[in-house]
Amino acid sequence: MAQQSEKHFSPRTTNILLVSSVVILIASVLIRYLAPAQWDTAIMQWATGMGWEFGLQHVVLAIMGVGVFLFLLVAFDQPD
């Protein structure tokens, strides 16, 4: 029976994804706690103008979601 070879990211791609996920997660935490209140107000005004309702906290959660997704992509791609 023919053996299927598993495809994995190259070490360079793995390192890029890992570093970018960590940078995104750290940046999202810094934005959450260091952003001025005017940013939240500006985002809410813009979102309301578009017919949506969200603020800075929702934007930060979305950014964190991207960081966690990249981290899990690397974690589950590792060979056994």
N, C-alpha and C. Protein backbone atom coordinates (compact mmCIF):
# COMPACT_ATOMS: atom_id res chain seq x y z
N MET A 1 0.84 -1.18 0.00
CA MET A 1 0.00 0.00 0.00
C MET A 1 0.89 1.24 0.00
N ALA A 2 0.53 2.22 -0.79
CA ALA A 2 1.34 3.43 -0.92
C ALA A 2 1.20 4.29 0.34
N GLN A 3 2.34 4.81 0.78
CA GLN A 3 2.34 5.66 1.95
C GLN A 3 2.10 7.10 1.53
N GLN A 4 1.23 7.77 2.26
CA GLN A 4 1.00 9.18 1.98
C GLN A 4 1.94 10.00 2.84
N SER A 5 2.67 10.90 2.21
CA SER A 5 3.53 11.77 3.00
C SER A 5 2.72 12.98 3.45
N GLU A 6 2.89 13.32 4.71
CA GLU A 6 2.16 14.47 5.26
C GLU A 6 2.87 15.75 4.84
N LYS A 7 2.09 16.74 4.54
CA LYS A 7 2.63 18.05 4.18
C LYS A 7 2.66 18.92 5.44
N HIS A 8 3.79 19.53 5.69
CA HIS A 8 3.94 20.45 6.82
C HIS A 8 4.54 21.75 6.31
N PHE A 9 4.34 22.81 7.10
CA PHE A 9 4.96 24.08 6.76
C PHE A 9 6.47 23.93 6.86
N SER A 10 7.17 24.73 6.08
CA SER A 10 8.63 24.74 6.18
C SER A 10 9.00 25.38 7.51
N PRO A 11 10.22 25.12 8.01
CA PRO A 11 10.64 25.76 9.26
C PRO A 11 10.58 27.28 9.20
N ARG A 12 10.90 27.84 8.05
CA ARG A 12 10.85 29.30 7.92
C ARG A 12 9.42 29.81 8.05
N THR A 13 8.48 29.15 7.38
CA THR A 13 7.08 29.55 7.46
C THR A 13 6.55 29.38 8.87
N THR A 14 6.94 28.29 9.52
CA THR A 14 6.53 28.05 10.90
C THR A 14 7.02 29.18 11.81
N ASN A 15 8.27 29.57 11.65
CA ASN A 15 8.82 30.65 12.48
C ASN A 15 8.11 31.98 12.21
N ILE A 16 7.83 32.25 10.95
CA ILE A 16 7.14 33.50 10.61
C ILE A 16 5.74 33.52 11.22
N LEU A 17 5.01 32.41 11.10
CA LEU A 17 3.66 32.34 11.67
C LEU A 17 3.70 32.45 13.19
N LEU A 18 4.67 31.79 13.82
CA LEU A 18 4.77 31.82 15.27
C LEU A 18 5.08 33.22 15.77
N VAL A 19 6.07 33.87 15.16
CA VAL A 19 6.43 35.22 15.57
C VAL A 19 5.29 36.19 15.32
N SER A 20 4.63 36.08 14.18
CA SER A 20 3.53 37.00 13.89
C SER A 20 2.36 36.79 14.85
N SER A 21 2.08 35.55 15.23
CA SER A 21 0.99 35.32 16.18
C SER A 21 1.31 35.92 17.54
N VAL A 22 2.55 35.78 17.99
CA VAL A 22 2.93 36.35 19.29
C VAL A 22 2.90 37.87 19.23
N VAL A 23 3.38 38.45 18.14
CA VAL A 23 3.36 39.91 18.00
C VAL A 23 1.92 40.42 17.98
N ILE A 24 1.04 39.74 17.26
CA ILE A 24 -0.37 40.15 17.20
C ILE A 24 -1.01 40.07 18.58
N LEU A 25 -0.75 39.00 19.32
CA LEU A 25 -1.34 38.87 20.65
C LEU A 25 -0.82 39.92 21.61
N ILE A 26 0.47 40.18 21.59
CA ILE A 26 1.03 41.22 22.48
C ILE A 26 0.50 42.59 22.08
N ALA A 27 0.44 42.87 20.78
CA ALA A 27 -0.07 44.16 20.32
C ALA A 27 -1.53 44.36 20.70
N SER A 28 -2.33 43.29 20.61
CA SER A 28 -3.75 43.44 20.96
C SER A 28 -3.93 43.73 22.45
N VAL A 29 -3.11 43.11 23.28
CA VAL A 29 -3.20 43.39 24.72
C VAL A 29 -2.76 44.82 25.00
N LEU A 30 -1.68 45.26 24.36
CA LEU A 30 -1.23 46.64 24.55
C LEU A 30 -2.27 47.64 24.06
N ILE A 31 -2.88 47.37 22.92
CA ILE A 31 -3.93 48.27 22.42
C ILE A 31 -5.09 48.32 23.40
N ARG A 32 -5.47 47.17 23.91
CA ARG A 32 -6.62 47.11 24.83
C ARG A 32 -6.40 47.96 26.07
N TYR A 33 -5.20 47.91 26.63
CA TYR A 33 -4.97 48.58 27.91
C TYR A 33 -4.32 49.96 27.79
N LEU A 34 -3.74 50.28 26.65
CA LEU A 34 -3.07 51.56 26.52
C LEU A 34 -3.74 52.53 25.56
N ALA A 35 -4.77 52.09 24.86
CA ALA A 35 -5.45 52.96 23.90
C ALA A 35 -6.25 54.04 24.64
N PRO A 36 -6.21 55.26 24.13
CA PRO A 36 -7.00 56.31 24.77
C PRO A 36 -8.50 56.09 24.52
N ALA A 37 -9.29 56.69 25.36
CA ALA A 37 -10.75 56.54 25.28
C ALA A 37 -11.30 57.09 23.96
N GLN A 38 -10.59 58.03 23.36
CA GLN A 38 -11.05 58.61 22.10
C GLN A 38 -11.10 57.56 20.99
N TRP A 39 -10.22 56.56 21.05
CA TRP A 39 -10.23 55.50 20.04
C TRP A 39 -11.53 54.73 20.10
N ASP A 40 -11.97 54.40 21.32
CA ASP A 40 -13.22 53.65 21.47
C ASP A 40 -14.39 54.48 20.95
N THR A 41 -14.39 55.75 21.28
CA THR A 41 -15.46 56.64 20.81
C THR A 41 -15.45 56.75 19.29
N ALA A 42 -14.27 56.89 18.70
CA ALA A 42 -14.17 57.02 17.25
C ALA A 42 -14.63 55.74 16.55
N ILE A 43 -14.25 54.59 17.09
CA ILE A 43 -14.66 53.31 16.49
C ILE A 43 -16.17 53.14 16.60
N MET A 44 -16.73 53.49 17.76
CA MET A 44 -18.18 53.35 17.94
C MET A 44 -18.94 54.29 17.01
N GLN A 45 -18.45 55.51 16.81
CA GLN A 45 -19.11 56.45 15.90
C GLN A 45 -19.04 55.95 14.47
N TRP A 46 -17.88 55.43 14.07
CA TRP A 46 -17.73 54.89 12.71
C TRP A 46 -18.64 53.69 12.51
N ALA A 47 -18.66 52.78 13.50
CA ALA A 47 -19.48 51.58 13.38
C ALA A 47 -20.97 51.93 13.33
N THR A 48 -21.38 52.90 14.13
CA THR A 48 -22.77 53.32 14.13
C THR A 48 -23.14 53.91 12.77
N GLY A 49 -22.23 54.65 12.17
CA GLY A 49 -22.47 55.21 10.84
C GLY A 49 -22.63 54.13 9.79
N MET A 50 -22.00 52.98 10.00
CA MET A 50 -22.10 51.86 9.06
C MET A 50 -23.30 50.96 9.38
N GLY A 51 -23.95 51.23 10.50
CA GLY A 51 -25.10 50.42 10.88
C GLY A 51 -24.73 49.24 11.78
N TRP A 52 -23.53 49.25 12.33
CA TRP A 52 -23.08 48.18 13.22
C TRP A 52 -22.96 48.71 14.64
N GLU A 53 -22.83 47.80 15.57
CA GLU A 53 -22.61 48.21 16.96
C GLU A 53 -21.45 47.43 17.54
N PHE A 54 -20.28 48.05 17.61
CA PHE A 54 -19.14 47.46 18.29
C PHE A 54 -18.17 48.57 18.66
N GLY A 55 -17.29 48.24 19.59
CA GLY A 55 -16.32 49.21 20.06
C GLY A 55 -14.92 48.65 20.00
N LEU A 56 -14.03 49.30 20.71
CA LEU A 56 -12.61 48.91 20.71
C LEU A 56 -12.43 47.50 21.24
N GLN A 57 -13.20 47.14 22.25
CA GLN A 57 -13.07 45.80 22.83
C GLN A 57 -13.37 44.72 21.79
N HIS A 58 -14.35 44.93 20.96
CA HIS A 58 -14.67 43.94 19.93
C HIS A 58 -13.58 43.86 18.86
N VAL A 59 -13.01 44.99 18.52
CA VAL A 59 -11.92 45.01 17.55
C VAL A 59 -10.72 44.25 18.11
N VAL A 60 -10.40 44.49 19.39
CA VAL A 60 -9.28 43.80 20.03
C VAL A 60 -9.54 42.30 20.08
N LEU A 61 -10.76 41.89 20.39
CA LEU A 61 -11.08 40.46 20.41
C LEU A 61 -10.92 39.83 19.03
N ALA A 62 -11.29 40.56 17.99
CA ALA A 62 -11.11 40.04 16.63
C ALA A 62 -9.63 39.89 16.29
N ILE A 63 -8.82 40.88 16.68
CA ILE A 63 -7.38 40.80 16.45
C ILE A 63 -6.78 39.63 17.22
N MET A 64 -7.23 39.45 18.47
CA MET A 64 -6.75 38.31 19.27
C MET A 64 -7.14 36.99 18.61
N GLY A 65 -8.33 36.94 18.04
CA GLY A 65 -8.77 35.73 17.35
C GLY A 65 -7.84 35.37 16.21
N VAL A 66 -7.38 36.37 15.47
CA VAL A 66 -6.44 36.11 14.38
C VAL A 66 -5.12 35.58 14.93
N GLY A 67 -4.64 36.18 16.02
CA GLY A 67 -3.39 35.72 16.64
C GLY A 67 -3.49 34.29 17.15
N VAL A 68 -4.60 33.97 17.79
CA VAL A 68 -4.80 32.60 18.30
C VAL A 68 -4.92 31.61 17.15
N PHE A 69 -5.60 32.01 16.08
CA PHE A 69 -5.72 31.14 14.91
C PHE A 69 -4.35 30.81 14.33
N LEU A 70 -3.50 31.82 14.16
CA LEU A 70 -2.16 31.58 13.63
C LEU A 70 -1.35 30.68 14.55
N PHE A 71 -1.47 30.91 15.86
CA PHE A 71 -0.75 30.09 16.83
C PHE A 71 -1.21 28.63 16.75
N LEU A 72 -2.51 28.41 16.67
CA LEU A 72 -3.03 27.04 16.58
C LEU A 72 -2.66 26.40 15.25
N LEU A 73 -2.59 27.19 14.20
CA LEU A 73 -2.17 26.67 12.90
C LEU A 73 -0.77 26.08 12.99
N VAL A 74 0.12 26.79 13.68
CA VAL A 74 1.48 26.29 13.88
C VAL A 74 1.47 25.08 14.81
N ALA A 75 0.71 25.16 15.88
CA ALA A 75 0.70 24.08 16.87
C ALA A 75 0.22 22.75 16.29
N PHE A 76 -0.81 22.80 15.48
CA PHE A 76 -1.36 21.56 14.93
C PHE A 76 -0.65 21.08 13.67
N ASP A 77 0.29 21.86 13.17
CA ASP A 77 1.03 21.46 11.98
C ASP A 77 2.31 20.70 12.32
N GLN A 78 2.70 20.68 13.58
CA GLN A 78 3.95 20.05 13.96
C GLN A 78 3.92 18.56 13.74
N PRO A 79 5.02 18.01 13.20
CA PRO A 79 5.07 16.55 13.02
C PRO A 79 5.13 15.83 14.36
N ASP A 80 4.70 14.61 14.37
CA ASP A 80 4.68 13.83 15.62
C ASP A 80 6.07 13.48 16.10
